Amino acid sequence: MAYEPKQLKVYEEAVVQRNGATGVLEKLLTKSGETLLDFSNYVTTVKDENDQVLQFVDISGNVLLDFEDTNITFDATTNTAAPVVTGTAAVDSVLSSTTGTWTHRPYAYSYQWYQDAAPIGGATTSTYTVVEADAGTAITCQVAATNRAGTAAAVASNAKNIPA
């Protein structure tokens, strides 16, 4: 099979080149095609619990690039579109919240549902079942995103007004 490199966008600054036959990462390039890193001798990566690359290791097991020992900074994630709550505003109905849209590749989201301005105890997933006590109130969800730079401030969704 003929070698055909493929490029994937990495943030806005660089692209990675993968082997078209195997999908193995080969190079990190600038947008203009200048090689930043050549991975041809790299065989593995070491990742943390969030699947973020910590090290590149060569065939002999030597650490070639250690992100923990390198002065690398990460841009904080910021919200560009608020989360949206969907579902029927009625007792016993299930409401769902999107994450909204965030910059700089968050890898985790947290949710907190609110009745009027008060947090609802234990309501910390992307869905919430409306209960009788919610009648006559406004239900919202706040979503926070986390990336390598940390956790951003939570952003509130639209309100669902539950009829009395």
Protein backbone atom coordinates (compact mmCIF):
# COMPACT_ATOMS: atom_id res chain seq x y z
CA MET A 1 0.00 0.00 0.00
CA ALA A 2 1.35 3.42 -0.91
CA TYR A 3 2.21 5.84 1.88
CA GLU A 4 -0.22 8.76 2.05
CA PRO A 5 0.18 11.13 4.99
CA LYS A 6 -2.93 12.58 6.56
CA GLN A 7 -3.06 15.74 8.61
CA LEU A 8 -5.30 16.51 11.55
CA LYS A 9 -5.74 19.92 13.16
CA VAL A 10 -4.26 20.31 16.65
CA TYR A 11 -5.61 23.47 18.31
CA GLU A 12 -5.05 26.37 15.91
CA GLU A 13 -1.24 26.39 15.74
CA ALA A 14 -0.06 23.04 14.38
CA VAL A 15 -1.02 19.83 12.61
CA VAL A 16 0.00 16.22 13.14
CA GLN A 17 0.94 13.96 10.28
CA ARG A 18 -0.12 10.33 10.45
CA ASN A 19 0.84 7.41 8.29
CA GLY A 20 -2.12 6.79 5.97
CA ALA A 21 -1.69 3.03 6.12
CA THR A 22 -1.20 2.57 9.87
CA GLY A 23 -2.49 5.78 11.42
CA VAL A 24 0.72 6.05 13.47
CA LEU A 25 1.68 9.59 14.47
CA GLU A 26 4.75 10.64 12.47
CA LYS A 27 5.35 14.38 12.80
CA LEU A 28 4.14 17.57 14.44
CA LEU A 29 4.18 20.34 11.85
CA THR A 30 3.52 24.05 11.70
CA LYS A 31 0.68 25.14 9.41
CA SER A 32 3.32 26.06 6.81
CA GLY A 33 4.69 22.50 6.89
CA GLU A 34 7.84 23.04 8.99
CA THR A 35 8.63 20.02 11.18
CA LEU A 36 8.42 20.78 14.89
CA LEU A 37 8.89 17.20 16.12
CA ASP A 38 9.70 14.02 14.19
CA PHE A 39 8.15 10.97 15.81
CA SER A 40 9.66 8.35 13.49
CA ASN A 41 11.62 6.76 16.36
CA TYR A 42 8.88 7.18 18.95
CA VAL A 43 6.96 4.06 19.70
CA THR A 44 4.78 4.94 22.63
CA THR A 45 3.39 7.66 24.83
CA VAL A 46 2.82 7.81 28.56
CA LYS A 47 -0.59 9.26 29.46
CA ASP A 48 -2.20 10.44 32.66
CA GLU A 49 -5.63 9.46 34.02
CA ASN A 50 -7.27 12.01 31.70
CA ASP A 51 -5.64 10.48 28.59
CA GLN A 52 -3.30 13.48 28.23
CA VAL A 53 0.17 12.70 26.88
CA LEU A 54 2.91 13.12 29.50
CA GLN A 55 5.91 11.64 27.68
CA PHE A 56 7.14 10.39 24.31
CA VAL A 57 9.38 7.32 24.59
CA ASP A 58 11.71 5.88 21.92
CA ILE A 59 12.27 2.27 20.86
CA SER A 60 14.88 1.78 23.63
CA GLY A 61 12.61 3.14 26.34
CA ASN A 62 14.42 6.47 26.63
CA VAL A 63 12.20 9.44 27.47
CA LEU A 64 12.54 11.81 24.52
CA LEU A 65 10.10 14.49 25.63
CA ASP A 66 8.69 14.82 29.13
CA PHE A 67 5.85 17.31 29.34
CA GLU A 68 5.93 17.27 33.16
CA ASP A 69 9.56 18.52 33.12
CA THR A 70 9.03 20.95 30.26
CA ASN A 71 7.76 24.47 30.72
CA ILE A 72 4.56 24.03 28.75
CA THR A 73 1.54 26.17 29.45
CA PHE A 74 -2.03 25.39 28.52
CA ASP A 75 -4.73 27.88 27.63
CA ALA A 76 -7.70 27.90 29.98
CA THR A 77 -10.99 26.76 28.55
CA THR A 78 -13.62 29.48 28.17
CA ASN A 79 -17.28 29.28 27.31
CA THR A 80 -18.42 30.55 23.91
CA ALA A 81 -22.03 29.30 23.98
CA ALA A 82 -24.09 28.64 27.12
CA PRO A 83 -25.49 25.18 27.86
CA VAL A 84 -29.04 24.54 26.69
CA VAL A 85 -31.68 22.71 28.72
CA THR A 86 -34.23 20.75 26.70
CA GLY A 87 -37.22 18.66 27.66
CA THR A 88 -40.80 19.21 28.75
CA ALA A 89 -41.27 21.63 31.66
CA ALA A 90 -43.58 19.39 33.70
CA VAL A 91 -43.45 17.27 36.85
CA ASP A 92 -42.06 13.75 36.17
CA SER A 93 -40.42 14.90 32.91
CA VAL A 94 -36.69 14.53 32.29
CA LEU A 95 -34.70 17.66 31.44
CA SER A 96 -31.33 17.37 29.71
CA SER A 97 -28.48 19.85 29.53
CA THR A 98 -25.88 20.18 26.80
CA THR A 99 -22.33 21.11 27.80
CA GLY A 100 -22.43 24.33 25.83
CA THR A 101 -19.42 25.20 23.69
CA TRP A 102 -15.95 25.67 25.17
CA THR A 103 -12.52 26.57 23.78
CA HIS A 104 -9.22 24.69 24.23
CA ARG A 105 -10.44 21.12 24.36
CA PRO A 106 -11.97 20.40 27.74
CA TYR A 107 -11.93 16.72 28.71
CA ALA A 108 -14.49 16.81 31.54
CA TYR A 109 -17.67 18.63 32.46
CA SER A 110 -19.52 19.04 35.76
CA TYR A 111 -23.20 19.82 36.19
CA GLN A 112 -25.29 21.38 38.95
CA TRP A 113 -29.05 21.81 38.64
CA TYR A 114 -30.84 24.72 40.33
CA GLN A 115 -34.39 25.38 41.47
CA ASP A 116 -34.72 29.16 41.17
CA ALA A 117 -31.30 30.23 42.55
CA ALA A 118 -30.81 27.31 44.96
CA PRO A 119 -28.70 24.25 44.07
CA ILE A 120 -30.66 21.00 44.03
CA GLY A 121 -28.89 18.46 46.27
CA GLY A 122 -27.51 15.47 44.38
CA ALA A 123 -28.51 16.83 40.95
CA THR A 124 -25.07 16.71 39.33
CA THR A 125 -25.50 14.85 36.05
CA SER A 126 -26.54 16.04 32.59
CA THR A 127 -30.17 15.03 33.22
CA TYR A 128 -32.69 15.94 35.90
CA THR A 129 -36.14 14.54 36.60
CA VAL A 130 -38.60 17.28 37.58
CA VAL A 131 -40.28 16.57 40.93
CA GLU A 132 -43.45 17.94 42.55
CA ALA A 133 -41.42 20.40 44.67
CA ASP A 134 -40.22 22.07 41.42
CA ALA A 135 -43.76 23.17 40.43
CA GLY A 136 -43.94 26.95 40.14
CA THR A 137 -40.15 27.41 39.95
CA ALA A 138 -37.50 27.92 37.28
CA ILE A 139 -35.06 25.04 36.73
CA THR A 140 -31.59 25.76 35.29
CA CYS A 141 -28.32 23.89 34.98
CA GLN A 142 -24.83 25.27 35.42
CA VAL A 143 -21.99 23.55 33.57
CA ALA A 144 -18.25 23.89 34.21
CA ALA A 145 -15.54 22.57 31.88
CA THR A 146 -12.08 21.27 32.77
CA ASN A 147 -8.95 21.08 30.63
CA ARG A 148 -5.21 20.83 31.39
CA ALA A 149 -5.19 24.46 32.62
CA GLY A 150 -7.92 23.80 35.21
CA THR A 151 -11.67 24.19 35.67
CA ALA A 152 -13.46 27.22 34.29
CA ALA A 153 -16.25 29.03 36.08
CA ALA A 154 -19.66 27.41 35.61
CA VAL A 155 -22.03 28.91 33.04
CA ALA A 156 -25.82 28.91 33.48
CA SER A 157 -28.28 27.48 30.98
CA ASN A 158 -31.63 28.81 29.89
CA ALA A 159 -34.45 28.38 32.44
CA LYS A 160 -37.31 25.90 32.21
CA ASN A 161 -40.32 27.33 34.06
CA ILE A 162 -42.24 24.48 35.65
CA PRO A 163 -46.00 25.20 35.83
CA ALA A 164 -47.58 25.23 39.28
